[in-house]
Amino acid sequence: MRTGIHPKYFKTKITCVCGNVIETASTKSESFSVEICSACHPFFTGKVKLVDMAGRVEKFQKKSATAATAQAETKARLEAKAVAAAAKKAKRQAAPPPAEKSSEQNS
């Protein structure tokens, strides 16, 4: 093997957010952390788990909450219009019909 062309290997500790520590060799650095490992990944554990990448779950929940709020506001607005129309119709039915204008008043 030629000297000076091969990268240096470090004993590395990889730490996952779940607390799992893996010791291996790496050319990158002596220690670093990862978000998900084989101990907590759903594929390896068989458990269904939401893996949130860059807040996507919160973004979806926020979007669905906003849609539900907008839908409720639209429904309330339509109900208010229906109540107003019913009140207007009741008022028209209760009021006497307008008197017809005779031709004598116009002349």
PDB file of N, CA and C in Angstrom:
ATOM      1  N   MET A   1       0.829  -1.179   0.000  1.00  0.00           N
ATOM      2  CA  MET A   1       0.000   0.000   0.000  1.00  0.00           C
ATOM      3  C   MET A   1       0.877   1.248   0.000  1.00  0.00           C
ATOM      4  N   ARG A   2       0.495   2.174  -0.759  1.00  0.00           N
ATOM      5  CA  ARG A   2       1.249   3.419  -0.823  1.00  0.00           C
ATOM      6  C   ARG A   2       0.918   4.277   0.399  1.00  0.00           C
ATOM      7  N   THR A   3       1.860   4.982   0.865  1.00  0.00           N
ATOM      8  CA  THR A   3       1.637   5.842   2.027  1.00  0.00           C
ATOM      9  C   THR A   3       1.161   7.215   1.586  1.00  0.00           C
ATOM     10  N   GLY A   4       0.323   7.828   2.432  1.00  0.00           N
ATOM     11  CA  GLY A   4      -0.117   9.198   2.174  1.00  0.00           C
ATOM     12  C   GLY A   4      -1.338   9.325   1.277  1.00  0.00           C
ATOM     13  N   ILE A   5      -1.862   8.258   0.691  1.00  0.00           N
ATOM     14  CA  ILE A   5      -3.029   8.390  -0.197  1.00  0.00           C
ATOM     15  C   ILE A   5      -4.314   7.869   0.442  1.00  0.00           C
ATOM     16  N   HIS A   6      -4.198   7.172   1.552  1.00  0.00           N
ATOM     17  CA  HIS A   6      -5.381   6.596   2.187  1.00  0.00           C
ATOM     18  C   HIS A   6      -5.891   7.526   3.279  1.00  0.00           C
ATOM     19  N   PRO A   7      -7.218   7.624   3.434  1.00  0.00           N
ATOM     20  CA  PRO A   7      -7.772   8.499   4.466  1.00  0.00           C
ATOM     21  C   PRO A   7      -7.534   7.921   5.857  1.00  0.00           C
ATOM     22  N   LYS A   8      -7.564   8.782   6.846  1.00  0.00           N
ATOM     23  CA  LYS A   8      -7.415   8.339   8.226  1.00  0.00           C
ATOM     24  C   LYS A   8      -8.752   7.802   8.720  1.00  0.00           C
ATOM     25  N   TYR A   9      -8.690   6.713   9.446  1.00  0.00           N
ATOM     26  CA  TYR A   9      -9.884   6.148  10.047  1.00  0.00           C
ATOM     27  C   TYR A   9      -9.915   6.499  11.519  1.00  0.00           C
ATOM     28  N   PHE A  10     -11.107   6.864  11.974  1.00  0.00           N
ATOM     29  CA  PHE A  10     -11.305   7.192  13.374  1.00  0.00           C
ATOM     30  C   PHE A  10     -12.259   6.173  13.977  1.00  0.00           C
ATOM     31  N   LYS A  11     -12.075   5.846  15.253  1.00  0.00           N
ATOM     32  CA  LYS A  11     -13.103   5.097  15.969  1.00  0.00           C
ATOM     33  C   LYS A  11     -14.209   6.097  16.252  1.00  0.00           C
ATOM     34  N   THR A  12     -15.390   5.803  15.766  1.00  0.00           N
ATOM     35  CA  THR A  12     -16.485   6.768  15.794  1.00  0.00           C
ATOM     36  C   THR A  12     -17.634   6.261  16.646  1.00  0.00           C
ATOM     37  N   LYS A  13     -18.237   7.165  17.381  1.00  0.00           N
ATOM     38  CA  LYS A  13     -19.458   6.870  18.127  1.00  0.00           C
ATOM     39  C   LYS A  13     -20.591   7.625  17.447  1.00  0.00           C
ATOM     40  N   ILE A  14     -21.580   6.875  16.958  1.00  0.00           N
ATOM     41  CA  ILE A  14     -22.752   7.468  16.318  1.00  0.00           C
ATOM     42  C   ILE A  14     -23.883   7.412  17.338  1.00  0.00           C
ATOM     43  N   THR A  15     -24.449   8.552  17.672  1.00  0.00           N
ATOM     44  CA  THR A  15     -25.502   8.632  18.666  1.00  0.00           C
ATOM     45  C   THR A  15     -26.816   8.966  17.977  1.00  0.00           C
ATOM     46  N   CYS A  16     -27.836   8.168  18.260  1.00  0.00           N
ATOM     47  CA  CYS A  16     -29.183   8.404  17.712  1.00  0.00           C
ATOM     48  C   CYS A  16     -29.988   9.206  18.734  1.00  0.00           C
ATOM     49  N   VAL A  17     -31.042   9.892  18.271  1.00  0.00           N
ATOM     50  CA  VAL A  17     -31.893  10.652  19.185  1.00  0.00           C
ATOM     51  C   VAL A  17     -32.661   9.734  20.138  1.00  0.00           C
ATOM     52  N   CYS A  18     -32.818   8.465  19.770  1.00  0.00           N
ATOM     53  CA  CYS A  18     -33.503   7.510  20.658  1.00  0.00           C
ATOM     54  C   CYS A  18     -32.595   7.068  21.796  1.00  0.00           C
ATOM     55  N   GLY A  19     -31.299   7.388  21.734  1.00  0.00           N
ATOM     56  CA  GLY A  19     -30.362   7.037  22.785  1.00  0.00           C
ATOM     57  C   GLY A  19     -29.426   5.902  22.419  1.00  0.00           C
ATOM     58  N   ASN A  20     -29.640   5.278  21.307  1.00  0.00           N
ATOM     59  CA  ASN A  20     -28.792   4.172  20.864  1.00  0.00           C
ATOM     60  C   ASN A  20     -27.427   4.712  20.434  1.00  0.00           C
ATOM     61  N   VAL A  21     -26.360   4.038  20.882  1.00  0.00           N
ATOM     62  CA  VAL A  21     -24.998   4.430  20.522  1.00  0.00           C
ATOM     63  C   VAL A  21     -24.366   3.289  19.741  1.00  0.00           C
ATOM     64  N   ILE A  22     -23.844   3.597  18.566  1.00  0.00           N
ATOM     65  CA  ILE A  22     -23.207   2.604  17.708  1.00  0.00           C
ATOM     66  C   ILE A  22     -21.734   2.992  17.581  1.00  0.00           C
ATOM     67  N   GLU A  23     -20.848   2.039  17.822  1.00  0.00           N
ATOM     68  CA  GLU A  23     -19.416   2.286  17.666  1.00  0.00           C
ATOM     69  C   GLU A  23     -18.949   1.631  16.376  1.00  0.00           C
ATOM     70  N   THR A  24     -18.279   2.398  15.551  1.00  0.00           N
ATOM     71  CA  THR A  24     -17.806   1.917  14.257  1.00  0.00           C
ATOM     72  C   THR A  24     -16.565   2.713  13.853  1.00  0.00           C
ATOM     73  N   ALA A  25     -16.104   2.512  12.645  1.00  0.00           N
ATOM     74  CA  ALA A  25     -14.975   3.279  12.124  1.00  0.00           C
ATOM     75  C   ALA A  25     -15.463   4.169  10.994  1.00  0.00           C
ATOM     76  N   SER A  26     -14.893   5.355  10.893  1.00  0.00           N
ATOM     77  CA  SER A  26     -15.324   6.298   9.873  1.00  0.00           C
ATOM     78  C   SER A  26     -14.171   7.204   9.474  1.00  0.00           C
ATOM     79  N   THR A  27     -14.248   7.730   8.276  1.00  0.00           N
ATOM     80  CA  THR A  27     -13.263   8.704   7.817  1.00  0.00           C
ATOM     81  C   THR A  27     -13.762  10.127   8.029  1.00  0.00           C
ATOM     82  N   LYS A  28     -15.024  10.295   8.444  1.00  0.00           N
ATOM     83  CA  LYS A  28     -15.624  11.620   8.577  1.00  0.00           C
ATOM     84  C   LYS A  28     -15.169  12.344   9.842  1.00  0.00           C
ATOM     85  N   SER A  29     -15.473  11.782  10.997  1.00  0.00           N
ATOM     86  CA  SER A  29     -15.095  12.425  12.249  1.00  0.00           C
ATOM     87  C   SER A  29     -15.133  11.392  13.367  1.00  0.00           C
ATOM     88  N   GLU A  30     -14.870  11.855  14.572  1.00  0.00           N
ATOM     89  CA  GLU A  30     -14.798  10.928  15.681  1.00  0.00           C
ATOM     90  C   GLU A  30     -16.150  10.659  16.328  1.00  0.00           C
ATOM     91  N   SER A  31     -17.119  11.556  16.182  1.00  0.00           N
ATOM     92  CA  SER A  31     -18.465  11.306  16.712  1.00  0.00           C
ATOM     93  C   SER A  31     -19.462  12.220  15.999  1.00  0.00           C
ATOM     94  N   PHE A  32     -20.656  11.702  15.816  1.00  0.00           N
ATOM     95  CA  PHE A  32     -21.742  12.510  15.269  1.00  0.00           C
ATOM     96  C   PHE A  32     -23.067  11.882  15.650  1.00  0.00           C
ATOM     97  N   SER A  33     -24.155  12.605  15.402  1.00  0.00           N
ATOM     98  CA  SER A  33     -25.480  12.115  15.792  1.00  0.00           C
ATOM     99  C   SER A  33     -26.367  11.993  14.559  1.00  0.00           C
ATOM    100  N   VAL A  34     -27.341  11.078  14.665  1.00  0.00           N
ATOM    101  CA  VAL A  34     -28.305  10.849  13.591  1.00  0.00           C
ATOM    102  C   VAL A  34     -29.713  10.932  14.176  1.00  0.00           C
ATOM    103  N   GLU A  35     -30.699  11.160  13.310  1.00  0.00           N
ATOM    104  CA  GLU A  35     -32.079  11.277  13.766  1.00  0.00           C
ATOM    105  C   GLU A  35     -32.764   9.923  13.914  1.00  0.00           C
ATOM    106  N   ILE A  36     -32.342   8.948  13.135  1.00  0.00           N
ATOM    107  CA  ILE A  36     -33.009   7.658  13.158  1.00  0.00           C
ATOM    108  C   ILE A  36     -31.984   6.565  12.897  1.00  0.00           C
ATOM    109  N   CYS A  37     -32.146   5.426  13.577  1.00  0.00           N
ATOM    110  CA  CYS A  37     -31.195   4.318  13.423  1.00  0.00           C
ATOM    111  C   CYS A  37     -31.973   3.019  13.275  1.00  0.00           C
ATOM    112  N   SER A  38     -31.245   1.912  13.189  1.00  0.00           N
ATOM    113  CA  SER A  38     -31.910   0.618  13.007  1.00  0.00           C
ATOM    114  C   SER A  38     -32.676   0.200  14.251  1.00  0.00           C
ATOM    115  N   ALA A  39     -32.385   0.769  15.400  1.00  0.00           N
ATOM    116  CA  ALA A  39     -33.101   0.413  16.627  1.00  0.00           C
ATOM    117  C   ALA A  39     -34.460   1.099  16.715  1.00  0.00           C
ATOM    118  N   CYS A  40     -34.635   2.231  16.039  1.00  0.00           N
ATOM    119  CA  CYS A  40     -35.910   2.957  16.140  1.00  0.00           C
ATOM    120  C   CYS A  40     -36.615   3.134  14.796  1.00  0.00           C
ATOM    121  N   HIS A  41     -36.029   2.700  13.698  1.00  0.00           N
ATOM    122  CA  HIS A  41     -36.665   2.841  12.386  1.00  0.00           C
ATOM    123  C   HIS A  41     -37.831   1.861  12.261  1.00  0.00           C
ATOM    124  N   PRO A  42     -38.987   2.299  11.757  1.00  0.00           N
ATOM    125  CA  PRO A  42     -40.164   1.423  11.652  1.00  0.00           C
ATOM    126  C   PRO A  42     -39.934   0.172  10.795  1.00  0.00           C
ATOM    127  N   PHE A  43     -39.074   0.247   9.806  1.00  0.00           N
ATOM    128  CA  PHE A  43     -38.828  -0.913   8.960  1.00  0.00           C
ATOM    129  C   PHE A  43     -38.194  -2.045   9.761  1.00  0.00           C
ATOM    130  N   PHE A  44     -37.280  -1.712  10.650  1.00  0.00           N
ATOM    131  CA  PHE A  44     -36.582  -2.721  11.428  1.00  0.00           C
ATOM    132  C   PHE A  44     -37.356  -3.152  12.667  1.00  0.00           C
ATOM    133  N   THR A  45     -38.128  -2.239  13.263  1.00  0.00           N
ATOM    134  CA  THR A  45     -38.846  -2.562  14.496  1.00  0.00           C
ATOM    135  C   THR A  45     -40.201  -3.189  14.232  1.00  0.00           C
ATOM    136  N   GLY A  46     -40.799  -2.919  13.094  1.00  0.00           N
ATOM    137  CA  GLY A  46     -42.121  -3.455  12.786  1.00  0.00           C
ATOM    138  C   GLY A  46     -43.246  -2.638  13.388  1.00  0.00           C
ATOM    139  N   LYS A  47     -42.926  -1.575  14.075  1.00  0.00           N
ATOM    140  CA  LYS A  47     -43.932  -0.709  14.682  1.00  0.00           C
ATOM    141  C   LYS A  47     -44.227   0.447  13.743  1.00  0.00           C
ATOM    142  N   VAL A  48     -45.504   0.853  13.690  1.00  0.00           N
ATOM    143  CA  VAL A  48     -45.880   1.998  12.873  1.00  0.00           C
ATOM    144  C   VAL A  48     -45.573   3.253  13.677  1.00  0.00           C
ATOM    145  N   LYS A  49     -44.832   4.131  13.076  1.00  0.00           N
ATOM    146  CA  LYS A  49     -44.403   5.343  13.752  1.00  0.00           C
ATOM    147  C   LYS A  49     -44.255   6.439  12.712  1.00  0.00           C
ATOM    148  N   LEU A  50     -44.701   7.636  13.047  1.00  0.00           N
ATOM    149  CA  LEU A  50     -44.534   8.763  12.140  1.00  0.00           C
ATOM    150  C   LEU A  50     -43.117   9.287  12.269  1.00  0.00           C
ATOM    151  N   VAL A  51     -42.409   9.278  11.187  1.00  0.00           N
ATOM    152  CA  VAL A  51     -41.058   9.819  11.157  1.00  0.00           C
ATOM    153  C   VAL A  51     -41.177  11.222  10.583  1.00  0.00           C
ATOM    154  N   ASP A  52     -41.001  12.200  11.426  1.00  0.00           N
ATOM    155  CA  ASP A  52     -41.194  13.586  11.019  1.00  0.00           C
ATOM    156  C   ASP A  52     -39.911  14.139  10.417  1.00  0.00           C
ATOM    157  N   MET A  53     -39.982  14.495   9.157  1.00  0.00           N
ATOM    158  CA  MET A  53     -38.839  15.102   8.481  1.00  0.00           C
ATOM    159  C   MET A  53     -39.180  16.564   8.204  1.00  0.00           C
ATOM    160  N   ALA A  54     -38.462  17.435   8.837  1.00  0.00           N
ATOM    161  CA  ALA A  54     -38.574  18.882   8.621  1.00  0.00           C
ATOM    162  C   ALA A  54     -39.976  19.405   8.933  1.00  0.00           C
ATOM    163  N   GLY A  55     -40.627  18.866   9.967  1.00  0.00           N
ATOM    164  CA  GLY A  55     -41.918  19.388  10.405  1.00  0.00           C
ATOM    165  C   GLY A  55     -43.073  19.077   9.489  1.00  0.00           C
ATOM    166  N   ARG A  56     -43.001  18.040   8.694  1.00  0.00           N
ATOM    167  CA  ARG A  56     -44.072  17.738   7.739  1.00  0.00           C
ATOM    168  C   ARG A  56     -45.365  17.337   8.434  1.00  0.00           C
ATOM    169  N   VAL A  57     -45.255  16.613   9.545  1.00  0.00           N
ATOM    170  CA  VAL A  57     -46.461  16.192  10.265  1.00  0.00           C
ATOM    171  C   VAL A  57     -47.177  17.419  10.823  1.00  0.00           C
ATOM    172  N   GLU A  58     -46.419  18.325  11.460  1.00  0.00           N
ATOM    173  CA  GLU A  58     -47.032  19.540  11.999  1.00  0.00           C
ATOM    174  C   GLU A  58     -47.626  20.393  10.887  1.00  0.00           C
ATOM    175  N   LYS A  59     -46.948  20.449   9.759  1.00  0.00           N
ATOM    176  CA  LYS A  59     -47.450  21.227   8.623  1.00  0.00           C
ATOM    177  C   LYS A  59     -48.787  20.668   8.145  1.00  0.00           C
ATOM    178  N   PHE A  60     -48.886  19.336   8.051  1.00  0.00           N
ATOM    179  CA  PHE A  60     -50.133  18.719   7.629  1.00  0.00           C
ATOM    180  C   PHE A  60     -51.232  18.956   8.653  1.00  0.00           C
ATOM    181  N   GLN A  61     -50.916  18.805   9.941  1.00  0.00           N
ATOM    182  CA  GLN A  61     -51.920  19.015  10.981  1.00  0.00           C
ATOM    183  C   GLN A  61     -52.399  20.455  10.988  1.00  0.00           C
ATOM    184  N   LYS A  62     -51.493  21.392  10.770  1.00  0.00           N
ATOM    185  CA  LYS A  62     -51.870  22.802  10.715  1.00  0.00           C
ATOM    186  C   LYS A  62     -52.788  23.067   9.521  1.00  0.00           C
ATOM    187  N   LYS A  63     -52.424  22.469   8.366  1.00  0.00           N
ATOM    188  CA  LYS A  63     -53.228  22.662   7.158  1.00  0.00           C
ATOM    189  C   LYS A  63     -54.632  22.084   7.335  1.00  0.00           C
ATOM    190  N   SER A  64     -54.732  20.893   7.933  1.00  0.00           N
ATOM    191  CA  SER A  64     -56.047  20.276   8.116  1.00  0.00           C
ATOM    192  C   SER A  64     -56.862  21.042   9.143  1.00  0.00           C
ATOM    193  N   ALA A  65     -56.222  21.595  10.176  1.00  0.00           N
ATOM    194  CA  ALA A  65     -56.943  22.406  11.162  1.00  0.00           C
ATOM    195  C   ALA A  65     -57.455  23.689  10.525  1.00  0.00           C
ATOM    196  N   THR A  66     -56.640  24.300   9.672  1.00  0.00           N
ATOM    197  CA  THR A  66     -57.043  25.512   8.971  1.00  0.00           C
ATOM    198  C   THR A  66     -58.222  25.229   8.041  1.00  0.00           C
ATOM    199  N   ALA A  67     -58.162  24.093   7.363  1.00  0.00           N
ATOM    200  CA  ALA A  67     -59.261  23.725   6.458  1.00  0.00           C
ATOM    201  C   ALA A  67     -60.542  23.485   7.248  1.00  0.00           C
ATOM    202  N   ALA A  68     -60.443  22.835   8.399  1.00  0.00           N
ATOM    203  CA  ALA A  68     -61.626  22.576   9.220  1.00  0.00           C
ATOM    204  C   ALA A  68     -62.216  23.884   9.732  1.00  0.00           C
ATOM    205  N   THR A  69     -61.369  24.821  10.120  1.00  0.00           N
ATOM    206  CA  THR A  69     -61.838  26.121  10.593  1.00  0.00           C
ATOM    207  C   THR A  69     -62.532  26.884   9.472  1.00  0.00           C
ATOM    208  N   ALA A  70     -61.939  26.885   8.290  1.00  0.00           N
ATOM    209  CA  ALA A  70     -62.539  27.577   7.148  1.00  0.00           C
ATOM    210  C   ALA A  70     -63.871  26.945   6.776  1.00  0.00           C
ATOM    211  N   GLN A  71     -63.946  25.626   6.860  1.00  0.00           N
ATOM    212  CA  GLN A  71     -65.186  24.927   6.542  1.00  0.00           C
ATOM    213  C   GLN A  71     -66.273  25.302   7.552  1.00  0.00           C
ATOM    214  N   ALA A  72     -65.924  25.382   8.835  1.00  0.00           N
ATOM    215  CA  ALA A  72     -66.891  25.758   9.867  1.00  0.00           C
ATOM    216  C   ALA A  72     -67.360  27.196   9.670  1.00  0.00           C
ATOM    217  N   GLU A  73     -66.435  28.096   9.310  1.00  0.00           N
ATOM    218  CA  GLU A  73     -66.807  29.494   9.059  1.00  0.00           C
ATOM    219  C   GLU A  73     -67.754  29.604   7.874  1.00  0.00           C
ATOM    220  N   THR A  74     -67.505  28.858   6.817  1.00  0.00           N
ATOM    221  CA  THR A  74     -68.378  28.868   5.644  1.00  0.00           C
ATOM    222  C   THR A  74     -69.767  28.366   5.995  1.00  0.00           C
ATOM    223  N   LYS A  75     -69.823  27.294   6.778  1.00  0.00           N
ATOM    224  CA  LYS A  75     -71.108  26.729   7.190  1.00  0.00           C
ATOM    225  C   LYS A  75     -71.891  27.734   8.037  1.00  0.00           C
ATOM    226  N   ALA A  76     -71.197  28.414   8.968  1.00  0.00           N
ATOM    227  CA  ALA A  76     -71.854  29.409   9.815  1.00  0.00           C
ATOM    228  C   ALA A  76     -72.363  30.578   8.981  1.00  0.00           C
ATOM    229  N   ARG A  77     -71.567  31.005   7.980  1.00  0.00           N
ATOM    230  CA  ARG A  77     -71.975  32.105   7.111  1.00  0.00           C
ATOM    231  C   ARG A  77     -73.224  31.732   6.310  1.00  0.00           C
ATOM    232  N   LEU A  78     -73.263  30.509   5.779  1.00  0.00           N
ATOM    233  CA  LEU A  78     -74.433  30.064   5.022  1.00  0.00           C
ATOM    234  C   LEU A  78     -75.671  29.975   5.907  1.00  0.00           C
ATOM    235  N   GLU A  79     -75.491  29.503   7.144  1.00  0.00           N
ATOM    236  CA  GLU A  79     -76.636  29.435   8.066  1.00  0.00           C
ATOM    237  C   GLU A  79     -77.142  30.833   8.399  1.00  0.00           C
ATOM    238  N   ALA A  80     -76.251  31.793   8.579  1.00  0.00           N
ATOM    239  CA  ALA A  80     -76.649  33.167   8.866  1.00  0.00           C
ATOM    240  C   ALA A  80     -77.414  33.766   7.686  1.00  0.00           C
ATOM    241  N   LYS A  81     -76.951  33.476   6.459  1.00  0.00           N
ATOM    242  CA  LYS A  81     -77.670  33.957   5.273  1.00  0.00           C
ATOM    243  C   LYS A  81     -79.064  33.352   5.201  1.00  0.00           C
ATOM    244  N   ALA A  82     -79.186  32.058   5.531  1.00  0.00           N
ATOM    245  CA  ALA A  82     -80.486  31.393   5.487  1.00  0.00           C
ATOM    246  C   ALA A  82     -81.433  31.997   6.521  1.00  0.00           C
ATOM    247  N   VAL A  83     -80.935  32.294   7.713  1.00  0.00           N
ATOM    248  CA  VAL A  83     -81.761  32.906   8.759  1.00  0.00           C
ATOM    249  C   VAL A  83     -82.200  34.302   8.325  1.00  0.00           C
ATOM    250  N   ALA A  84     -81.291  35.077   7.739  1.00  0.00           N
ATOM    251  CA  ALA A  84     -81.623  36.422   7.279  1.00  0.00           C
ATOM    252  C   ALA A  84     -82.664  36.379   6.161  1.00  0.00           C
ATOM    253  N   ALA A  85     -82.522  35.423   5.246  1.00  0.00           N
ATOM    254  CA  ALA A  85     -83.489  35.294   4.152  1.00  0.00           C
ATOM    255  C   ALA A  85     -84.854  34.893   4.693  1.00  0.00           C
ATOM    256  N   ALA A  86     -84.894  34.003   5.669  1.00  0.00           N
ATOM    257  CA  ALA A  86     -86.173  33.588   6.263  1.00  0.00           C
ATOM    258  C   ALA A  86     -86.832  34.767   6.982  1.00  0.00           C
ATOM    259  N   ALA A  87     -86.041  35.582   7.686  1.00  0.00           N
ATOM    260  CA  ALA A  87     -86.589  36.747   8.377  1.00  0.00           C
ATOM    261  C   ALA A  87     -87.128  37.759   7.378  1.00  0.00           C
ATOM    262  N   LYS A  88     -86.407  37.961   6.289  1.00  0.00           N
ATOM    263  CA  LYS A  88     -86.853  38.905   5.252  1.00  0.00           C
ATOM    264  C   LYS A  88     -88.154  38.431   4.618  1.00  0.00           C
ATOM    265  N   LYS A  89     -88.242  37.112   4.370  1.00  0.00           N
ATOM    266  CA  LYS A  89     -89.449  36.552   3.777  1.00  0.00           C
ATOM    267  C   LYS A  89     -90.635  36.691   4.731  1.00  0.00           C
ATOM    268  N   ALA A  90     -90.422  36.452   6.009  1.00  0.00           N
ATOM    269  CA  ALA A  90     -91.487  36.583   7.009  1.00  0.00           C
ATOM    270  C   ALA A  90     -91.938  38.036   7.109  1.00  0.00           C
ATOM    271  N   LYS A  91     -91.022  38.968   7.021  1.00  0.00           N
ATOM    272  CA  LYS A  91     -91.354  40.390   7.087  1.00  0.00           C
ATOM    273  C   LYS A  91     -92.187  40.806   5.880  1.00  0.00           C
ATOM    274  N   ARG A  92     -91.822  40.278   4.691  1.00  0.00           N
ATOM    275  CA  ARG A  92     -92.597  40.593   3.475  1.00  0.00           C
ATOM    276  C   ARG A  92     -94.016  40.049   3.567  1.00  0.00           C
ATOM    277  N   GLN A  93     -94.154  38.854   4.109  1.00  0.00           N
ATOM    278  CA  GLN A  93     -95.481  38.243   4.216  1.00  0.00           C
ATOM    279  C   GLN A  93     -96.334  38.958   5.251  1.00  0.00           C
ATOM    280  N   ALA A  94     -95.738  39.509   6.300  1.00  0.00           N
ATOM    281  CA  ALA A  94     -96.484  40.200   7.351  1.00  0.00           C
ATOM    282  C   ALA A  94     -96.892  41.605   6.927  1.00  0.00           C
ATOM    283  N   ALA A  95     -96.152  42.248   6.061  1.00  0.00           N
ATOM    284  CA  ALA A  95     -96.444  43.613   5.632  1.00  0.00           C
ATOM    285  C   ALA A  95     -97.591  43.602   4.626  1.00  0.00           C
ATOM    286  N   PRO A  96     -98.455  44.642   4.668  1.00  0.00           N
ATOM    287  CA  PRO A  96     -99.548  44.714   3.680  1.00  0.00           C
ATOM    288  C   PRO A  96     -98.979  44.989   2.293  1.00  0.00           C
ATOM    289  N   PRO A  97     -99.670  44.523   1.275  1.00  0.00           N
ATOM    290  CA  PRO A  97     -99.178  44.757  -0.088  1.00  0.00           C
ATOM    291  C   PRO A  97     -99.190  46.254  -0.407  1.00  0.00           C
ATOM    292  N   PRO A  98     -98.288  46.717  -1.231  1.00  0.00           N
ATOM    293  CA  PRO A  98     -98.256  48.152  -1.566  1.00  0.00           C
ATOM    294  C   PRO A  98     -99.513  48.533  -2.353  1.00  0.00           C
ATOM    295  N   ALA A  99    -100.019  49.761  -2.085  1.00  0.00           N
ATOM    296  CA  ALA A  99    -101.217  50.252  -2.768  1.00  0.00           C
ATOM    297  C   ALA A  99    -100.857  50.564  -4.217  1.00  0.00           C
ATOM    298  N   GLU A 100    -101.801  50.242  -5.102  1.00  0.00           N
ATOM    299  CA  GLU A 100    -101.563  50.517  -6.514  1.00  0.00           C
ATOM    300  C   GLU A 100    -101.755  51.997  -6.789  1.00  0.00           C
ATOM    301  N   LYS A 101    -100.938  52.540  -7.639  1.00  0.00           N
ATOM    302  CA  LYS A 101    -101.032  53.964  -8.004  1.00  0.00           C
ATOM    303  C   LYS A 101    -102.136  54.121  -9.024  1.00  0.00           C
ATOM    304  N   SER A 102    -102.946  55.073  -8.834  1.00  0.00           N
ATOM    305  CA  SER A 102    -104.010  55.320  -9.810  1.00  0.00           C
ATOM    306  C   SER A 102    -103.505  56.311 -10.854  1.00  0.00           C
ATOM    307  N   SER A 103    -104.184  56.321 -11.996  1.00  0.00           N
ATOM    308  CA  SER A 103    -103.760  57.184 -13.093  1.00  0.00           C
ATOM    309  C   SER A 103    -104.071  58.653 -12.788  1.00  0.00           C
ATOM    310  N   GLU A 104    -104.943  58.938 -11.837  1.00  0.00           N
ATOM    311  CA  GLU A 104    -105.281  60.316 -11.489  1.00  0.00           C
ATOM    312  C   GLU A 104    -104.125  61.005 -10.763  1.00  0.00           C
ATOM    313  N   GLN A 105    -103.356  60.244  -9.983  1.00  0.00           N
ATOM    314  CA  GLN A 105    -102.275  60.856  -9.234  1.00  0.00           C
ATOM    315  C   GLN A 105    -101.137  61.272 -10.175  1.00  0.00           C
ATOM    316  N   ASN A 106    -100.945  60.528 -11.274  1.00  0.00           N
ATOM    317  CA  ASN A 106     -99.876  60.840 -12.214  1.00  0.00           C
ATOM    318  C   ASN A 106    -100.207  62.035 -13.094  1.00  0.00           C
ATOM    319  N   SER A 107    -101.454  62.336 -13.332  1.00  0.00           N
ATOM    320  CA  SER A 107    -101.815  63.401 -14.239  1.00  0.00           C
ATOM    321  C   SER A 107    -101.862  64.741 -13.602  1.00  0.00           C
TER     322      SER A 107
END
